[in-house]
PDB file of N, CA and C in Angstrom:
ATOM      1  N   UNK A   1     116.440 -11.357 133.447  1.00  0.00           N
ATOM      2  CA  UNK A   1     115.185 -10.617 133.490  1.00  0.00           C
ATOM      3  C   UNK A   1     115.443  -9.122 133.520  1.00  0.00           C
ATOM      4  N   UNK A   2     116.406  -8.711 134.347  1.00  0.00           N
ATOM      5  CA  UNK A   2     116.720  -7.286 134.461  1.00  0.00           C
ATOM      6  C   UNK A   2     117.279  -6.728 133.149  1.00  0.00           C
ATOM      7  N   UNK A   3     118.064  -7.514 132.436  1.00  0.00           N
ATOM      8  CA  UNK A   3     118.640  -7.067 131.168  1.00  0.00           C
ATOM      9  C   UNK A   3     117.534  -6.883 130.130  1.00  0.00           C
ATOM     10  N   UNK A   4     116.560  -7.756 130.107  1.00  0.00           N
ATOM     11  CA  UNK A   4     115.451  -7.628 129.165  1.00  0.00           C
ATOM     12  C   UNK A   4     114.630  -6.372 129.455  1.00  0.00           C
ATOM     13  N   UNK A   5     114.431  -6.062 130.743  1.00  0.00           N
ATOM     14  CA  UNK A   5     113.694  -4.845 131.098  1.00  0.00           C
ATOM     15  C   UNK A   5     114.445  -3.600 130.636  1.00  0.00           C
ATOM     16  N   UNK A   6     115.751  -3.568 130.895  1.00  0.00           N
ATOM     17  CA  UNK A   6     116.557  -2.423 130.470  1.00  0.00           C
ATOM     18  C   UNK A   6     116.547  -2.271 128.955  1.00  0.00           C
ATOM     19  N   UNK A   7     116.661  -3.359 128.243  1.00  0.00           N
ATOM     20  CA  UNK A   7     116.636  -3.317 126.783  1.00  0.00           C
ATOM     21  C   UNK A   7     115.292  -2.789 126.290  1.00  0.00           C
ATOM     22  N   UNK A   8     114.227  -3.269 126.888  1.00  0.00           N
ATOM     23  CA  UNK A   8     112.891  -2.816 126.496  1.00  0.00           C
ATOM     24  C   UNK A   8     112.717  -1.325 126.785  1.00  0.00           C
ATOM     25  N   UNK A   9     113.192  -0.865 127.924  1.00  0.00           N
ATOM     26  CA  UNK A   9     113.092   0.555 128.272  1.00  0.00           C
ATOM     27  C   UNK A   9     113.859   1.400 127.262  1.00  0.00           C
ATOM     28  N   UNK A  10     115.060   0.987 126.878  1.00  0.00           N
ATOM     29  CA  UNK A  10     115.849   1.761 125.916  1.00  0.00           C
ATOM     30  C   UNK A  10     115.223   1.737 124.524  1.00  0.00           C
ATOM     31  N   UNK A  11     114.591   0.633 124.164  1.00  0.00           N
ATOM     32  CA  UNK A  11     113.889   0.582 122.874  1.00  0.00           C
ATOM     33  C   UNK A  11     112.720   1.557 122.875  1.00  0.00           C
ATOM     34  N   UNK A  12     111.963   1.583 123.957  1.00  0.00           N
ATOM     35  CA  UNK A  12     110.829   2.512 124.058  1.00  0.00           C
ATOM     36  C   UNK A  12     111.326   3.956 124.024  1.00  0.00           C
ATOM     37  N   UNK A  13     112.413   4.251 124.739  1.00  0.00           N
ATOM     38  CA  UNK A  13     112.976   5.608 124.720  1.00  0.00           C
ATOM     39  C   UNK A  13     113.423   5.980 123.310  1.00  0.00           C
ATOM     40  N   UNK A  14     114.048   5.055 122.614  1.00  0.00           N
ATOM     41  CA  UNK A  14     114.496   5.310 121.246  1.00  0.00           C
ATOM     42  C   UNK A  14     113.333   5.582 120.305  1.00  0.00           C
ATOM     43  N   UNK A  15     112.278   4.790 120.420  1.00  0.00           N
ATOM     44  CA  UNK A  15     111.099   4.992 119.569  1.00  0.00           C
ATOM     45  C   UNK A  15     110.456   6.347 119.859  1.00  0.00           C
ATOM     46  N   UNK A  16     110.348   6.703 121.133  1.00  0.00           N
ATOM     47  CA  UNK A  16     109.779   8.004 121.487  1.00  0.00           C
ATOM     48  C   UNK A  16     110.647   9.146 120.963  1.00  0.00           C
ATOM     49  N   UNK A  17     111.958   8.997 121.056  1.00  0.00           N
ATOM     50  CA  UNK A  17     112.865  10.028 120.563  1.00  0.00           C
ATOM     51  C   UNK A  17     112.721  10.218 119.056  1.00  0.00           C
ATOM     52  N   UNK A  18     112.661   9.104 118.318  1.00  0.00           N
ATOM     53  CA  UNK A  18     112.481   9.205 116.871  1.00  0.00           C
ATOM     54  C   UNK A  18     111.119   9.798 116.517  1.00  0.00           C
ATOM     55  N   UNK A  19     110.100   9.482 117.301  1.00  0.00           N
ATOM     56  CA  UNK A  19     108.771  10.055 117.066  1.00  0.00           C
ATOM     57  C   UNK A  19     108.786  11.566 117.275  1.00  0.00           C
ATOM     58  N   UNK A  20     109.460  12.018 118.318  1.00  0.00           N
ATOM     59  CA  UNK A  20     109.556  13.449 118.586  1.00  0.00           C
ATOM     60  C   UNK A  20     110.306  14.148 117.451  1.00  0.00           C
ATOM     61  N   UNK A  21     111.390  13.554 116.978  1.00  0.00           N
ATOM     62  CA  UNK A  21     112.132  14.142 115.859  1.00  0.00           C
ATOM     63  C   UNK A  21     111.261  14.247 114.610  1.00  0.00           C
ATOM     64  N   UNK A  22     110.540  13.185 114.304  1.00  0.00           N
ATOM     65  CA  UNK A  22     109.680  13.183 113.125  1.00  0.00           C
ATOM     66  C   UNK A  22     108.571  14.217 113.240  1.00  0.00           C
ATOM     67  N   UNK A  23     107.908  14.272 114.379  1.00  0.00           N
ATOM     68  CA  UNK A  23     106.808  15.230 114.549  1.00  0.00           C
ATOM     69  C   UNK A  23     107.310  16.670 114.561  1.00  0.00           C
ATOM     70  N   UNK A  24     108.503  16.896 115.085  1.00  0.00           N
ATOM     71  CA  UNK A  24     109.088  18.235 115.046  1.00  0.00           C
ATOM     72  C   UNK A  24     109.358  18.651 113.607  1.00  0.00           C
ATOM     73  N   UNK A  25     109.879  17.732 112.819  1.00  0.00           N
ATOM     74  CA  UNK A  25     110.123  18.016 111.408  1.00  0.00           C
ATOM     75  C   UNK A  25     108.814  18.322 110.678  1.00  0.00           C
ATOM     76  N   UNK A  26     107.788  17.522 110.913  1.00  0.00           N
ATOM     77  CA  UNK A  26     106.495  17.742 110.264  1.00  0.00           C
ATOM     78  C   UNK A  26     105.897  19.091 110.664  1.00  0.00           C
ATOM     79  N   UNK A  27     106.006  19.446 111.933  1.00  0.00           N
ATOM     80  CA  UNK A  27     105.460  20.719 112.397  1.00  0.00           C
ATOM     81  C   UNK A  27     106.212  21.890 111.779  1.00  0.00           C
ATOM     82  N   UNK A  28     107.505  21.759 111.600  1.00  0.00           N
ATOM     83  CA  UNK A  28     108.268  22.859 111.010  1.00  0.00           C
ATOM     84  C   UNK A  28     107.950  23.025 109.537  1.00  0.00           C
ATOM     85  N   UNK A  29     107.671  21.942 108.826  1.00  0.00           N
ATOM     86  CA  UNK A  29     107.327  22.075 107.411  1.00  0.00           C
ATOM     87  C   UNK A  29     105.920  22.628 107.242  1.00  0.00           C
ATOM     88  N   UNK A  30     105.024  22.293 108.153  1.00  0.00           N
ATOM     89  CA  UNK A  30     103.665  22.831 108.066  1.00  0.00           C
ATOM     90  C   UNK A  30     103.675  24.336 108.313  1.00  0.00           C
ATOM     91  N   UNK A  31     104.359  24.779 109.349  1.00  0.00           N
ATOM     92  CA  UNK A  31     104.392  26.210 109.632  1.00  0.00           C
ATOM     93  C   UNK A  31     105.184  26.959 108.562  1.00  0.00           C
ATOM     94  N   UNK A  32     106.158  26.318 107.947  1.00  0.00           N
ATOM     95  CA  UNK A  32     106.883  26.949 106.845  1.00  0.00           C
ATOM     96  C   UNK A  32     105.983  27.197 105.649  1.00  0.00           C
ATOM     97  N   UNK A  33     105.070  26.247 105.377  1.00  0.00           N
ATOM     98  CA  UNK A  33     104.121  26.429 104.283  1.00  0.00           C
ATOM     99  C   UNK A  33     103.131  27.537 104.594  1.00  0.00           C
ATOM    100  N   UNK A  34     102.718  27.648 105.847  1.00  0.00           N
ATOM    101  CA  UNK A  34     101.762  28.689 106.223  1.00  0.00           C
ATOM    102  C   UNK A  34     102.379  30.070 106.041  1.00  0.00           C
ATOM    103  N   UNK A  35     103.653  30.198 106.366  1.00  0.00           N
ATOM    104  CA  UNK A  35     104.327  31.479 106.186  1.00  0.00           C
ATOM    105  C   UNK A  35     104.429  31.806 104.705  1.00  0.00           C
ATOM    106  N   UNK A  36     104.742  30.808 103.888  1.00  0.00           N
ATOM    107  CA  UNK A  36     104.863  31.045 102.452  1.00  0.00           C
ATOM    108  C   UNK A  36     103.515  31.439 101.851  1.00  0.00           C
ATOM    109  N   UNK A  37     102.437  30.858 102.350  1.00  0.00           N
ATOM    110  CA  UNK A  37     101.124  31.195 101.823  1.00  0.00           C
ATOM    111  C   UNK A  37     100.725  32.618 102.179  1.00  0.00           C
ATOM    112  N   UNK A  38     101.067  33.060 103.389  1.00  0.00           N
ATOM    113  CA  UNK A  38     100.640  34.388 103.796  1.00  0.00           C
ATOM    114  C   UNK A  38     101.551  35.480 103.255  1.00  0.00           C
ATOM    115  N   UNK A  39     102.641  35.119 102.615  1.00  0.00           N
ATOM    116  CA  UNK A  39     103.572  36.141 102.148  1.00  0.00           C
ATOM    117  C   UNK A  39     103.430  36.425 100.660  1.00  0.00           C
ATOM    118  N   UNK A  40     102.262  36.256 100.082  1.00  0.00           N
ATOM    119  CA  UNK A  40     102.108  36.619  98.688  1.00  0.00           C
ATOM    120  C   UNK A  40     100.971  35.929  97.971  1.00  0.00           C
ATOM    121  N   UNK A  41     100.350  34.941  98.529  1.00  0.00           N
ATOM    122  CA  UNK A  41      99.276  34.228  97.858  1.00  0.00           C
ATOM    123  C   UNK A  41      97.954  35.001  97.916  1.00  0.00           C
ATOM    124  N   UNK A  42      97.785  35.821  98.946  1.00  0.00           N
ATOM    125  CA  UNK A  42      96.544  36.538  99.136  1.00  0.00           C
ATOM    126  C   UNK A  42      96.695  37.955  98.603  1.00  0.00           C
ATOM    127  N   UNK A  43      95.796  38.366  97.740  1.00  0.00           N
ATOM    128  CA  UNK A  43      95.856  39.697  97.154  1.00  0.00           C
ATOM    129  C   UNK A  43      95.256  40.704  98.138  1.00  0.00           C
ATOM    130  N   UNK A  44      96.095  41.592  98.658  1.00  0.00           N
ATOM    131  CA  UNK A  44      95.637  42.571  99.644  1.00  0.00           C
ATOM    132  C   UNK A  44      95.468  43.960  99.050  1.00  0.00           C
ATOM    133  N   UNK A  45      95.476  44.068  97.735  1.00  0.00           N
ATOM    134  CA  UNK A  45      95.255  45.383  97.130  1.00  0.00           C
ATOM    135  C   UNK A  45      93.821  45.817  97.396  1.00  0.00           C
ATOM    136  N   UNK A  46      93.661  47.045  97.793  1.00  0.00           N
ATOM    137  CA  UNK A  46      92.343  47.562  98.116  1.00  0.00           C
ATOM    138  C   UNK A  46      91.972  47.398  99.575  1.00  0.00           C
ATOM    139  N   UNK A  47      92.783  46.720 100.354  1.00  0.00           N
ATOM    140  CA  UNK A  47      92.522  46.574 101.780  1.00  0.00           C
ATOM    141  C   UNK A  47      92.980  47.831 102.504  1.00  0.00           C
ATOM    142  N   UNK A  48      92.283  48.158 103.589  1.00  0.00           N
ATOM    143  CA  UNK A  48      92.721  49.274 104.422  1.00  0.00           C
ATOM    144  C   UNK A  48      93.912  48.824 105.268  1.00  0.00           C
ATOM    145  N   UNK A  49      94.612  49.776 105.841  1.00  0.00           N
ATOM    146  CA  UNK A  49      95.750  49.441 106.702  1.00  0.00           C
ATOM    147  C   UNK A  49      95.304  48.635 107.917  1.00  0.00           C
ATOM    148  N   UNK A  50      94.118  48.932 108.427  1.00  0.00           N
ATOM    149  CA  UNK A  50      93.586  48.193 109.568  1.00  0.00           C
ATOM    150  C   UNK A  50      93.301  46.739 109.187  1.00  0.00           C
ATOM    151  N   UNK A  51      92.751  46.499 108.005  1.00  0.00           N
ATOM    152  CA  UNK A  51      92.495  45.134 107.549  1.00  0.00           C
ATOM    153  C   UNK A  51      93.792  44.360 107.357  1.00  0.00           C
ATOM    154  N   UNK A  52      94.801  45.023 106.801  1.00  0.00           N
ATOM    155  CA  UNK A  52      96.105  44.370 106.624  1.00  0.00           C
ATOM    156  C   UNK A  52      96.714  44.011 107.970  1.00  0.00           C
ATOM    157  N   UNK A  53      96.628  44.925 108.928  1.00  0.00           N
ATOM    158  CA  UNK A  53      97.174  44.670 110.258  1.00  0.00           C
ATOM    159  C   UNK A  53      96.436  43.512 110.933  1.00  0.00           C
ATOM    160  N   UNK A  54      95.112  43.486 110.808  1.00  0.00           N
ATOM    161  CA  UNK A  54      94.337  42.395 111.401  1.00  0.00           C
ATOM    162  C   UNK A  54      94.706  41.057 110.778  1.00  0.00           C
ATOM    163  N   UNK A  55      94.961  41.035 109.465  1.00  0.00           N
ATOM    164  CA  UNK A  55      95.351  39.796 108.807  1.00  0.00           C
ATOM    165  C   UNK A  55      96.734  39.353 109.268  1.00  0.00           C
ATOM    166  N   UNK A  56      97.678  40.284 109.350  1.00  0.00           N
ATOM    167  CA  UNK A  56      99.044  39.941 109.741  1.00  0.00           C
ATOM    168  C   UNK A  56      99.130  39.516 111.199  1.00  0.00           C
ATOM    169  N   UNK A  57      98.406  40.190 112.075  1.00  0.00           N
ATOM    170  CA  UNK A  57      98.508  39.905 113.504  1.00  0.00           C
ATOM    171  C   UNK A  57      97.593  38.780 113.977  1.00  0.00           C
ATOM    172  N   UNK A  58      96.390  38.704 113.416  1.00  0.00           N
ATOM    173  CA  UNK A  58      95.386  37.769 113.930  1.00  0.00           C
ATOM    174  C   UNK A  58      94.949  36.715 112.922  1.00  0.00           C
ATOM    175  N   UNK A  59      95.274  36.918 111.641  1.00  0.00           N
ATOM    176  CA  UNK A  59      94.881  35.957 110.631  1.00  0.00           C
ATOM    177  C   UNK A  59      93.460  36.108 110.148  1.00  0.00           C
ATOM    178  N   UNK A  60      92.806  37.215 110.492  1.00  0.00           N
ATOM    179  CA  UNK A  60      91.432  37.405 110.039  1.00  0.00           C
ATOM    180  C   UNK A  60      91.423  38.000 108.636  1.00  0.00           C
ATOM    181  N   UNK A  61      90.552  37.477 107.805  1.00  0.00           N
ATOM    182  CA  UNK A  61      90.393  37.958 106.443  1.00  0.00           C
ATOM    183  C   UNK A  61      89.109  38.772 106.399  1.00  0.00           C
ATOM    184  N   UNK A  62      89.127  39.955 105.776  1.00  0.00           N
ATOM    185  CA  UNK A  62      87.897  40.753 105.700  1.00  0.00           C
ATOM    186  C   UNK A  62      86.773  39.991 104.999  1.00  0.00           C
ATOM    187  N   UNK A  63      85.549  40.235 105.426  1.00  0.00           N
ATOM    188  CA  UNK A  63      84.405  39.505 104.886  1.00  0.00           C
ATOM    189  C   UNK A  63      84.259  39.725 103.387  1.00  0.00           C
ATOM    190  N   UNK A  64      84.578  40.908 102.898  1.00  0.00           N
ATOM    191  CA  UNK A  64      84.428  41.167 101.464  1.00  0.00           C
ATOM    192  C   UNK A  64      85.468  40.421 100.635  1.00  0.00           C
ATOM    193  N   UNK A  65      86.572  39.984 101.260  1.00  0.00           N
ATOM    194  CA  UNK A  65      87.604  39.242 100.547  1.00  0.00           C
ATOM    195  C   UNK A  65      87.378  37.739 100.605  1.00  0.00           C
ATOM    196  N   UNK A  66      86.459  37.285 101.440  1.00  0.00           N
ATOM    197  CA  UNK A  66      86.227  35.851 101.609  1.00  0.00           C
ATOM    198  C   UNK A  66      85.312  35.266 100.554  1.00  0.00           C
ATOM    199  N   UNK A  67      84.505  36.034  99.945  1.00  0.00           N
ATOM    200  CA  UNK A  67      83.522  35.490  99.030  1.00  0.00           C
ATOM    201  C   UNK A  67      82.244  35.162  99.773  1.00  0.00           C
ATOM    202  N   UNK A  68      81.501  34.189  99.285  1.00  0.00           N
ATOM    203  CA  UNK A  68      80.210  33.887  99.893  1.00  0.00           C
ATOM    204  C   UNK A  68      80.302  32.875 101.022  1.00  0.00           C
ATOM    205  N   UNK A  69      81.392  32.069 101.086  1.00  0.00           N
ATOM    206  CA  UNK A  69      81.502  31.074 102.144  1.00  0.00           C
ATOM    207  C   UNK A  69      82.646  31.426 103.073  1.00  0.00           C
ATOM    208  N   UNK A  70      82.434  31.349 104.374  1.00  0.00           N
ATOM    209  CA  UNK A  70      83.516  31.625 105.322  1.00  0.00           C
ATOM    210  C   UNK A  70      84.580  30.529 105.271  1.00  0.00           C
ATOM    211  N   UNK A  71      85.804  30.867 105.736  1.00  0.00           N
ATOM    212  CA  UNK A  71      86.916  29.923 105.642  1.00  0.00           C
ATOM    213  C   UNK A  71      86.904  28.865 106.728  1.00  0.00           C
ATOM    214  N   UNK A  72      86.131  29.034 107.789  1.00  0.00           N
ATOM    215  CA  UNK A  72      86.044  28.032 108.841  1.00  0.00           C
ATOM    216  C   UNK A  72      84.593  27.634 109.044  1.00  0.00           C
ATOM    217  N   UNK A  73      84.410  26.467 109.642  1.00  0.00           N
ATOM    218  CA  UNK A  73      83.044  25.995 109.849  1.00  0.00           C
ATOM    219  C   UNK A  73      82.295  26.861 110.863  1.00  0.00           C
ATOM    220  N   UNK A  74      83.035  27.497 111.767  1.00  0.00           N
ATOM    221  CA  UNK A  74      82.390  28.353 112.750  1.00  0.00           C
ATOM    222  C   UNK A  74      81.994  29.686 112.140  1.00  0.00           C
ATOM    223  N   UNK A  75      82.588  30.037 110.987  1.00  0.00           N
ATOM    224  CA  UNK A  75      82.239  31.273 110.331  1.00  0.00           C
ATOM    225  C   UNK A  75      82.929  32.488 110.938  1.00  0.00           C
ATOM    226  N   UNK A  76      84.017  32.280 111.671  1.00  0.00           N
ATOM    227  CA  UNK A  76      84.678  33.401 112.323  1.00  0.00           C
ATOM    228  C   UNK A  76      85.591  34.168 111.397  1.00  0.00           C
ATOM    229  N   UNK A  77      85.966  33.584 110.242  1.00  0.00           N
ATOM    230  CA  UNK A  77      86.843  34.266 109.325  1.00  0.00           C
ATOM    231  C   UNK A  77      88.320  34.147 109.678  1.00  0.00           C
ATOM    232  N   UNK A  78      88.652  33.317 110.638  1.00  0.00           N
ATOM    233  CA  UNK A  78      90.039  33.159 111.054  1.00  0.00           C
ATOM    234  C   UNK A  78      90.740  32.192 110.085  1.00  0.00           C
ATOM    235  N   UNK A  79      91.940  32.554 109.679  1.00  0.00           N
ATOM    236  CA  UNK A  79      92.695  31.714 108.772  1.00  0.00           C
ATOM    237  C   UNK A  79      93.088  30.414 109.449  1.00  0.00           C
ATOM    238  N   UNK A  80      93.610  30.491 110.662  1.00  0.00           N
ATOM    239  CA  UNK A  80      94.046  29.295 111.365  1.00  0.00           C
ATOM    240  C   UNK A  80      92.949  28.622 112.161  1.00  0.00           C
ATOM    241  N   UNK A  81      91.780  29.222 112.212  1.00  0.00           N
ATOM    242  CA  UNK A  81      90.679  28.640 112.955  1.00  0.00           C
ATOM    243  C   UNK A  81      90.778  28.847 114.451  1.00  0.00           C
ATOM    244  N   UNK A  82      91.524  29.828 114.890  1.00  0.00           N
ATOM    245  CA  UNK A  82      91.711  30.080 116.326  1.00  0.00           C
ATOM    246  C   UNK A  82      90.480  30.715 116.924  1.00  0.00           C
TER     247      UNK A  82
END
């Protein structure tokens, strides 16, 4: 009985460890894509220095660059939805 409990505990630990590895990999690829998108996909010509700084530091896009629909459902203009 004790051996079965130990085996079950180690199986659960192994599954959790593999899950953490997988989710860490997924999170790193998602944030890698976000960095690639912000480093050249958005045309910032004509933006003021303050608008560029706000985009780089906070992820906010100026209202005139968004078009007619905001990028989040809340309408805050935040790229990441923060």
